[in-house]
Amino acid sequence: MHTPAERLPAAAARRIALGAQGFADPRPAGPVGTRQLKRMVDRLAVVQIDSVNVLSRSHYLPAFSRLGPYPRPALDALAWRRRDLFEYWAHEASFLPVRLHPCLRWKMAAAEEHAWGSMVRLQRERPGYVAEVFDRVRDGGALKASQLLEPRPDRPGTMWNWHAGKVALEYLFFTGVLTARSRTAGFERVYDLTERVLPPEVVQAPTPDRADAIRELVSTASRALGVATEKDLADYFRLRVADTRAAIAELVDAGELLPVEVAGWDRPAWLDPRARRPRRVRARALLTPFDSLVWERPRVERIFGFRYRIEIYTPAAKRVHGYYVLPFLLGDALVARVDLKADRQAGVLRVQGAYAEPGGDPVEVSRELAAELRLMADWMELDGVAVAERGDLAGDLAAAVLGG
C-alpha cells in the first residue's frame, strides 16, 4: 500500500537531523563517563577514525562536540578494555558497536569484491604469503605491521605506502579473521585473531543473510540521520545504492521508515518514525571534518546551505580555508569555520584562519566560538588560544578571545 509522503519544512528537517546526531540534548552538567560515551556511540553507530593528528585524532572529537570535555582514556577503554566497540571499514576506518559485527560479515566474506586492489592482488599473486602472515598471528599472538620486515614500496608522497606485510594484515582484517586488538601510541594497529579479541557472544552470534544485514544497517543509518535521502542512507555504511533501495522499500512496508518531502530538497527522503522533532536546538560545537554530521558534503549543503570541502590533500597554495578546517555549529546553523592546530610544544591552540558564514552576527558568533575554543584548549591541556589574522572573522574572534 502506498504511504503518502509527509511534507516537512526545511528547518524542521534540519532540527530532526541534529537531534538524531545528539545535538538537541544539553551537554552533561557533571563529569562525562563510560555511560554517556557508550550512549553516544550507540546513537551514531559509526565513529570514523583518521590518522591526521594536527589537532586531535579525529575519533576523539565527536564525543567532545556532543558531550563537552571528557577523559579520552574512557573512549579508548570502550574499544580496548571493555570491548564494546570494534574496528572495521564501515564509513572508512571506523569504530562501531560490537552488535553490528554480524551485520558486516557479508562484506568480510566478499573481501575480493570490496577490498582495495592491492589487497586482492597480493592474495592472488602471493596466496602463500598471506597464509604465512595469518599463521604467524595465530601461533605467535598479536602483531603489528612494523614487526614484518618487508621492504616498503618506493612511492614517495603516496598515502597508502604499504609494504606487503601491511597489505596482508589489512587483507586478513578486511576478511574479518583478524581484528584490531589495540592501537599503539603512534596509532599503529595491533592485529589479532577476531575470536581472541571480541566477546564470545559476539563471535558466536548467528550471521544474518546479506539482505537482512543490509536492512539492519540501513535502519541503523536512518536512526543516526533522522531524515535522509537514499544516497544519505547508502553513504553512512558505504552501501550500494541498489541494495539500499531494496532495504528502504522493505522498511517502508514494515512501517520502520516513513516517506517525506522536505521543502527545498530535490529528491525524496525518509524519516525515522522514532526520530525526535526538536522545536529548538541550542547546540554549540566544533566539528571534525570526519564527524558523521558533516562527512557527506552534499547532505551538509542541502541541510545547512554550507559548502564544505576538506583541503588536507590540496596543495597549500590552492587552499581556500586551510589544512584542518572545522565547521562551527551554533544553534541549528553552521555559522563559521576555523582552521585549527594544536601547537603542543608551545601549549597553544592555534586558529590559523577564521571565516564567517553569511547572515550571522560576527560579534555573537565570535563570542560563542571563543568560548568553545577555550573549552577545547582546556580539554586538550593547552594553555590558551592564539588567533592568526587570516579570514574575515579573525579580528572579531581575536578580540573575543582576548576579552574572555
Protein backbone atom coordinates (compact mmCIF):
# COMPACT_ATOMS: atom_id res chain seq x y z
CA MET A 1 0.00 0.00 0.00
CA HIS A 2 1.32 3.42 -0.94
CA THR A 3 2.04 5.62 2.07
CA PRO A 4 1.53 9.33 1.34
CA ALA A 5 4.63 11.41 1.97
CA GLU A 6 4.54 13.89 4.84
CA ARG A 7 5.73 17.40 3.98
CA LEU A 8 8.49 18.72 6.22
CA PRO A 9 9.74 22.32 6.36
CA ALA A 10 13.48 22.53 5.78
CA ALA A 11 14.06 23.96 9.27
CA ALA A 12 12.20 21.03 10.87
CA ALA A 13 14.27 18.54 8.87
CA ARG A 14 17.45 20.30 9.97
CA ARG A 15 16.46 20.08 13.64
CA ILE A 16 15.48 16.42 13.26
CA ALA A 17 18.89 15.67 11.74
CA LEU A 18 20.65 17.49 14.57
CA GLY A 19 18.54 15.70 17.17
CA ALA A 20 19.32 12.30 15.68
CA GLN A 21 23.03 13.12 15.85
CA GLY A 22 22.83 14.09 19.52
CA PHE A 23 22.95 17.88 19.26
CA ALA A 24 19.49 18.60 20.67
CA ASP A 25 20.50 17.32 24.12
CA PRO A 26 22.25 19.63 26.58
CA ARG A 27 25.77 18.63 27.48
CA PRO A 28 26.07 16.78 30.79
CA ALA A 29 26.37 19.07 33.80
CA GLY A 30 28.74 16.74 35.64
CA PRO A 31 31.69 14.55 34.67
CA VAL A 32 31.31 12.53 31.47
CA GLY A 33 31.90 8.82 31.88
CA THR A 34 31.51 5.49 30.15
CA ARG A 35 27.70 5.50 30.17
CA GLN A 36 27.41 8.77 28.24
CA LEU A 37 30.16 7.79 25.79
CA LYS A 38 28.59 4.40 25.09
CA ARG A 39 25.19 6.01 24.56
CA MET A 40 26.71 8.45 22.09
CA VAL A 41 28.49 5.76 20.07
CA ASP A 42 25.37 3.57 20.08
CA ARG A 43 23.42 6.53 18.69
CA LEU A 44 25.92 7.38 15.96
CA ALA A 45 26.76 3.70 15.25
CA VAL A 46 29.87 4.79 13.30
CA VAL A 47 32.74 6.92 14.61
CA GLN A 48 35.23 7.48 11.82
CA ILE A 49 38.95 7.05 12.54
CA ASP A 50 41.58 9.16 10.82
CA SER A 51 45.33 9.30 11.36
CA VAL A 52 45.74 13.09 10.97
CA ASN A 53 46.83 14.47 14.34
CA VAL A 54 47.37 18.17 13.64
CA LEU A 55 44.58 18.90 16.15
CA SER A 56 43.50 15.58 17.65
CA ARG A 57 42.90 12.07 16.41
CA SER A 58 39.51 12.51 14.79
CA HIS A 59 37.63 9.78 16.67
CA TYR A 60 38.07 11.68 19.95
CA LEU A 61 36.32 14.81 18.67
CA PRO A 62 32.67 13.72 18.10
CA ALA A 63 32.28 12.97 21.81
CA PHE A 64 33.74 16.35 22.75
CA SER A 65 31.43 18.06 20.24
CA ARG A 66 28.35 16.49 21.79
CA LEU A 67 29.28 15.96 25.45
CA GLY A 68 31.96 18.56 26.14
CA PRO A 69 35.19 17.75 27.99
CA TYR A 70 35.62 14.08 28.81
CA PRO A 71 38.56 11.78 29.62
CA ARG A 72 39.88 10.41 26.33
CA PRO A 73 41.09 7.19 28.01
CA ALA A 74 37.41 6.41 28.69
CA LEU A 75 36.77 6.19 24.94
CA ASP A 76 39.87 4.02 24.49
CA ALA A 77 38.55 1.75 27.23
CA LEU A 78 35.26 1.22 25.37
CA ALA A 79 37.22 -0.27 22.48
CA TRP A 80 40.29 -1.87 24.00
CA ARG A 81 39.31 -2.92 27.53
CA ARG A 82 35.53 -3.29 27.64
CA ARG A 83 35.28 -4.47 24.00
CA ASP A 84 32.05 -2.56 23.43
CA LEU A 85 33.45 -1.32 20.11
CA PHE A 86 35.36 -2.88 17.24
CA GLU A 87 37.23 -1.51 14.25
CA TYR A 88 36.21 -2.14 10.67
CA TRP A 89 35.88 -0.48 7.28
CA ALA A 90 32.33 0.87 7.55
CA HIS A 91 32.30 4.55 6.60
CA GLU A 92 36.04 4.39 6.01
CA ALA A 93 38.01 3.07 9.02
CA SER A 94 35.63 3.31 11.95
CA PHE A 95 34.73 2.28 15.46
CA LEU A 96 31.35 0.54 15.66
CA PRO A 97 29.28 -1.05 18.44
CA VAL A 98 30.03 -4.78 18.57
CA ARG A 99 26.33 -5.56 18.00
CA LEU A 100 26.89 -4.61 14.33
CA HIS A 101 29.69 -7.13 13.76
CA PRO A 102 27.35 -9.87 12.43
CA CYS A 103 25.78 -7.34 10.04
CA LEU A 104 29.12 -6.73 8.33
CA ARG A 105 30.15 -10.37 7.86
CA TRP A 106 28.68 -10.45 4.34
CA LYS A 107 31.20 -7.73 3.43
CA MET A 108 34.01 -9.64 5.11
CA ALA A 109 33.07 -12.79 3.19
CA ALA A 110 33.15 -10.85 -0.10
CA ALA A 111 36.53 -9.23 0.53
CA GLU A 112 37.72 -9.66 -3.04
CA GLU A 113 34.68 -7.71 -4.21
CA HIS A 114 35.03 -4.83 -1.76
CA ALA A 115 38.70 -4.57 -0.74
CA TRP A 116 41.33 -2.40 -2.44
CA GLY A 117 43.16 -3.67 -5.47
CA SER A 118 46.49 -4.05 -3.66
CA MET A 119 44.92 -6.44 -1.12
CA VAL A 120 43.23 -8.55 -3.76
CA ARG A 121 46.34 -8.54 -5.96
CA LEU A 122 48.58 -9.73 -3.10
CA GLN A 123 46.20 -12.54 -2.23
CA ARG A 124 46.14 -13.64 -5.87
CA GLU A 125 49.86 -13.24 -6.54
CA ARG A 126 51.21 -14.41 -3.18
CA PRO A 127 48.48 -16.51 -1.50
CA GLY A 128 51.09 -18.47 0.42
CA TYR A 129 52.43 -15.27 1.95
CA VAL A 130 49.03 -14.17 3.23
CA ALA A 131 48.59 -17.60 4.81
CA GLU A 132 52.05 -17.31 6.41
CA VAL A 133 51.12 -13.97 7.98
CA PHE A 134 47.89 -15.46 9.32
CA ASP A 135 49.80 -18.42 10.79
CA ARG A 136 52.23 -16.06 12.49
CA VAL A 137 49.39 -14.23 14.24
CA ARG A 138 47.57 -17.44 15.10
CA ASP A 139 50.65 -19.11 16.55
CA GLY A 140 52.64 -16.12 17.82
CA GLY A 141 49.96 -13.74 19.04
CA ALA A 142 49.12 -10.11 18.30
CA LEU A 143 51.22 -8.48 15.60
CA LYS A 144 51.98 -5.02 14.21
CA ALA A 145 52.83 -4.42 10.57
CA SER A 146 56.16 -2.90 11.63
CA GLN A 147 57.16 -6.30 13.01
CA LEU A 148 57.06 -7.78 9.50
CA LEU A 149 60.38 -6.96 7.88
CA GLU A 150 59.20 -6.25 4.36
CA PRO A 151 60.65 -3.59 2.04
CA ARG A 152 58.45 -0.54 1.68
CA PRO A 153 57.49 0.40 -1.90
CA ASP A 154 59.23 3.45 -3.28
CA ARG A 155 56.17 5.65 -3.77
CA PRO A 156 57.06 8.97 -2.09
CA GLY A 157 54.13 11.21 -1.33
CA THR A 158 51.67 8.30 -1.52
CA MET A 159 49.38 7.99 1.49
CA TRP A 160 48.94 4.21 1.20
CA ASN A 161 52.65 3.40 1.00
CA TRP A 162 52.15 -0.09 2.46
CA HIS A 163 54.65 -2.92 2.32
CA ALA A 164 53.48 -6.45 1.55
CA GLY A 165 53.19 -7.37 5.25
CA LYS A 166 50.85 -4.47 5.97
CA VAL A 167 48.78 -5.31 2.88
CA ALA A 168 48.50 -8.95 4.02
CA LEU A 169 47.41 -7.92 7.51
CA GLU A 170 44.87 -5.49 6.07
CA TYR A 171 43.51 -8.17 3.76
CA LEU A 172 43.04 -10.51 6.71
CA PHE A 173 41.48 -7.61 8.65
CA PHE A 174 39.06 -6.98 5.80
CA THR A 175 38.04 -10.65 5.70
CA GLY A 176 37.30 -10.49 9.43
CA VAL A 177 39.63 -13.27 10.55
CA LEU A 178 41.81 -10.61 12.20
CA THR A 179 40.68 -7.53 14.06
CA ALA A 180 42.34 -4.73 15.98
CA ARG A 181 43.34 -5.67 19.50
CA SER A 182 44.55 -2.13 20.21
CA ARG A 183 46.44 0.83 18.78
CA THR A 184 49.95 1.88 19.75
CA ALA A 185 50.82 5.38 20.98
CA GLY A 186 51.82 6.12 17.38
CA PHE A 187 48.40 4.92 16.23
CA GLU A 188 49.67 1.70 14.63
CA ARG A 189 47.04 -1.03 14.55
CA VAL A 190 47.80 -4.20 16.54
CA TYR A 191 46.20 -7.21 14.85
CA ASP A 192 44.99 -10.43 16.47
CA LEU A 193 42.53 -13.23 15.77
CA THR A 194 38.99 -11.91 15.98
CA GLU A 195 37.96 -14.82 18.17
CA ARG A 196 40.62 -13.82 20.71
CA VAL A 197 39.53 -10.16 20.80
CA LEU A 198 35.76 -9.82 20.53
CA PRO A 199 33.43 -11.09 23.26
CA PRO A 200 32.39 -14.75 22.76
CA GLU A 201 28.72 -13.81 22.48
CA VAL A 202 29.56 -11.59 19.51
CA VAL A 203 31.80 -14.13 17.79
CA GLN A 204 29.20 -16.86 18.28
CA ALA A 205 26.22 -14.73 17.24
CA PRO A 206 24.44 -16.06 14.12
CA THR A 207 25.34 -14.44 10.82
CA PRO A 208 22.24 -12.91 9.19
CA ASP A 209 21.75 -13.31 5.50
CA ARG A 210 23.01 -10.44 3.36
CA ALA A 211 19.62 -8.79 2.74
CA ASP A 212 18.70 -8.87 6.44
CA ALA A 213 22.09 -7.47 7.42
CA ILE A 214 21.87 -4.62 4.92
CA ARG A 215 18.34 -3.83 6.06
CA GLU A 216 19.59 -3.55 9.64
CA LEU A 217 22.45 -1.29 8.54
CA VAL A 218 20.03 0.97 6.64
CA SER A 219 17.71 1.05 9.66
CA THR A 220 20.67 1.93 11.89
CA ALA A 221 21.69 4.70 9.49
CA SER A 222 18.15 6.09 9.50
CA ARG A 223 18.18 6.34 13.30
CA ALA A 224 21.53 8.13 13.20
CA LEU A 225 20.44 10.56 10.48
CA GLY A 226 16.81 11.18 11.46
CA VAL A 227 15.72 12.22 7.98
CA ALA A 228 17.68 11.18 4.93
CA THR A 229 17.71 10.59 1.20
CA GLU A 230 18.53 7.25 -0.41
CA LYS A 231 22.09 8.44 -1.03
CA ASP A 232 22.44 9.61 2.59
CA LEU A 233 21.37 6.20 3.87
CA ALA A 234 23.68 4.35 1.48
CA ASP A 235 26.67 6.53 2.31
CA TYR A 236 26.52 6.01 6.08
CA PHE A 237 27.86 2.44 5.83
CA ARG A 238 29.10 2.82 2.23
CA LEU A 239 26.43 0.50 0.86
CA ARG A 240 25.48 0.11 -2.77
CA VAL A 241 22.54 2.26 -3.77
CA ALA A 242 20.63 -0.69 -5.26
CA ASP A 243 20.94 -2.66 -2.00
CA THR A 244 19.92 0.41 -0.01
CA ARG A 245 16.90 1.00 -2.25
CA ALA A 246 15.67 -2.55 -1.68
CA ALA A 247 16.13 -2.22 2.08
CA ILE A 248 14.28 1.11 2.13
CA ALA A 249 11.30 -0.46 0.36
CA GLU A 250 11.13 -3.26 2.94
CA LEU A 251 11.48 -0.85 5.86
CA VAL A 252 8.71 1.38 4.46
CA ASP A 253 6.42 -1.65 4.07
CA ALA A 254 7.15 -2.57 7.71
CA GLY A 255 6.42 0.97 8.91
CA GLU A 256 10.04 1.43 10.04
CA LEU A 257 10.68 4.28 7.58
CA LEU A 258 8.25 6.99 6.53
CA PRO A 259 8.43 8.76 3.16
CA VAL A 260 8.68 12.55 3.45
CA GLU A 261 9.06 15.54 1.17
CA VAL A 262 11.41 18.15 2.57
CA ALA A 263 10.99 21.69 1.35
CA GLY A 264 13.95 22.67 -0.84
CA TRP A 265 15.27 19.13 -1.21
CA ASP A 266 15.30 18.00 -4.82
CA ARG A 267 14.83 14.30 -4.06
CA PRO A 268 12.65 12.00 -1.92
CA ALA A 269 13.58 11.42 1.70
CA TRP A 270 12.67 9.07 4.53
CA LEU A 271 12.04 9.78 8.18
CA ASP A 272 12.84 7.51 11.10
CA PRO A 273 9.43 7.31 12.87
CA ARG A 274 11.21 7.25 16.25
CA ALA A 275 13.13 10.45 15.50
CA ARG A 276 12.73 13.37 17.88
CA ARG A 277 11.32 16.57 16.42
CA PRO A 278 13.03 19.28 18.47
CA ARG A 279 11.30 22.65 18.44
CA ARG A 280 14.62 24.32 19.05
CA VAL A 281 18.30 23.32 19.06
CA ARG A 282 20.77 25.20 21.26
CA ALA A 283 23.97 23.46 20.21
CA ARG A 284 27.47 24.88 20.24
CA ALA A 285 30.13 22.64 18.77
CA LEU A 286 33.27 22.43 16.67
CA LEU A 287 33.04 19.52 14.23
CA THR A 288 35.88 17.38 12.95
CA PRO A 289 35.84 17.06 9.14
CA PHE A 290 35.11 13.35 9.73
CA ASP A 291 32.10 13.87 12.01
CA SER A 292 29.02 11.96 10.86
CA LEU A 293 27.03 15.22 10.84
CA VAL A 294 29.21 16.66 8.06
CA TRP A 295 31.11 13.84 6.35
CA GLU A 296 28.68 13.66 3.39
CA ARG A 297 29.26 17.06 1.78
CA PRO A 298 26.14 17.18 -0.48
CA ARG A 299 23.95 16.48 2.58
CA VAL A 300 25.65 19.29 4.51
CA GLU A 301 24.98 21.70 1.67
CA ARG A 302 21.37 20.53 1.35
CA ILE A 303 20.58 20.80 5.07
CA PHE A 304 22.69 23.76 6.16
CA GLY A 305 23.46 25.65 2.96
CA PHE A 306 27.11 25.19 3.90
CA ARG A 307 29.57 24.29 1.15
CA TYR A 308 32.36 22.31 2.76
CA ARG A 309 35.45 20.68 1.28
CA ILE A 310 38.34 19.15 3.20
CA GLU A 311 41.61 20.60 1.93
CA ILE A 312 44.16 18.32 3.61
CA TYR A 313 45.12 16.85 0.25
CA THR A 314 45.07 20.21 -1.58
CA PRO A 315 48.45 21.91 -2.15
CA ALA A 316 48.90 24.69 0.40
CA ALA A 317 48.90 27.45 -2.23
CA LYS A 318 45.50 26.33 -3.51
CA ARG A 319 43.72 26.00 -0.15
CA VAL A 320 40.81 28.37 0.40
CA HIS A 321 40.27 27.99 4.15
CA GLY A 322 43.19 25.94 5.45
CA TYR A 323 44.54 22.48 6.23
CA TYR A 324 42.32 21.15 9.04
CA VAL A 325 39.14 23.19 8.97
CA LEU A 326 36.30 22.57 11.44
CA PRO A 327 32.76 23.86 10.90
CA PHE A 328 31.27 25.67 13.89
CA LEU A 329 27.71 24.77 14.84
CA LEU A 330 25.74 27.37 16.78
CA GLY A 331 22.07 26.75 17.48
CA ASP A 332 20.87 24.85 14.43
CA ALA A 333 23.17 26.53 11.91
CA LEU A 334 26.75 26.19 10.70
CA VAL A 335 27.88 29.78 11.20
CA ALA A 336 31.66 29.72 10.76
CA ARG A 337 34.71 27.58 10.06
CA VAL A 338 38.16 27.61 11.65
CA ASP A 339 41.49 26.12 10.64
CA LEU A 340 42.89 24.67 13.89
CA LYS A 341 46.21 23.30 15.03
CA ALA A 342 47.28 22.07 18.45
CA ASP A 343 50.75 23.51 18.96
CA ARG A 344 51.71 21.12 21.73
CA GLN A 345 55.26 22.40 22.05
CA ALA A 346 54.07 25.96 22.68
CA GLY A 347 51.00 24.82 24.64
CA VAL A 348 48.63 26.78 22.38
CA LEU A 349 45.52 26.02 20.33
CA ARG A 350 46.21 27.96 17.14
CA VAL A 351 43.40 29.36 15.00
CA GLN A 352 45.22 29.67 11.69
CA GLY A 353 42.17 31.05 9.90
CA ALA A 354 38.62 32.03 10.89
CA TYR A 355 35.78 32.58 8.44
CA ALA A 356 32.16 33.63 8.98
CA GLU A 357 29.18 32.37 7.04
CA PRO A 358 26.86 34.97 5.51
CA GLY A 359 23.95 36.24 7.58
CA GLY A 360 25.32 35.79 11.08
CA ASP A 361 26.27 38.38 13.68
CA PRO A 362 30.10 38.23 13.70
CA VAL A 363 30.32 39.60 17.24
CA GLU A 364 27.96 36.98 18.69
CA VAL A 365 29.50 34.19 16.61
CA SER A 366 32.98 35.23 17.76
CA ARG A 367 31.93 35.33 21.41
CA GLU A 368 30.47 31.81 21.29
CA LEU A 369 33.30 30.45 19.17
CA ALA A 370 35.90 31.90 21.54
CA ALA A 371 34.19 30.18 24.47
CA GLU A 372 34.19 26.85 22.61
CA LEU A 373 37.83 27.23 21.63
CA ARG A 374 38.83 27.92 25.25
CA LEU A 375 36.87 24.83 26.32
CA MET A 376 38.67 22.76 23.68
CA ALA A 377 42.08 24.12 24.69
CA ASP A 378 41.43 23.22 28.33
CA TRP A 379 40.27 19.73 27.34
CA MET A 380 43.42 19.26 25.28
CA GLU A 381 45.56 20.54 28.18
CA LEU A 382 46.77 23.57 26.22
CA ASP A 383 47.38 26.87 27.95
CA GLY A 384 45.44 29.16 25.66
CA VAL A 385 44.11 30.14 22.23
CA ALA A 386 46.01 32.21 19.66
CA VAL A 387 44.23 33.67 16.63
CA ALA A 388 46.11 34.48 13.42
CA GLU A 389 44.98 37.27 11.13
CA ARG A 390 43.73 35.09 8.28
CA GLY A 391 40.00 35.16 7.47
CA ASP A 392 37.14 37.63 7.71
CA LEU A 393 36.24 36.55 11.25
CA ALA A 394 39.78 36.68 12.61
CA GLY A 395 39.64 40.23 14.00
CA ASP A 396 36.38 39.79 15.91
CA LEU A 397 37.47 36.34 17.13
CA ALA A 398 40.83 37.62 18.36
CA ALA A 399 39.07 40.37 20.31
CA ALA A 400 36.63 37.86 21.80
CA VAL A 401 39.47 35.54 22.84
CA LEU A 402 41.35 38.41 24.48
CA GLY A 403 38.22 39.77 26.11
CA GLY A 404 37.20 36.42 27.57
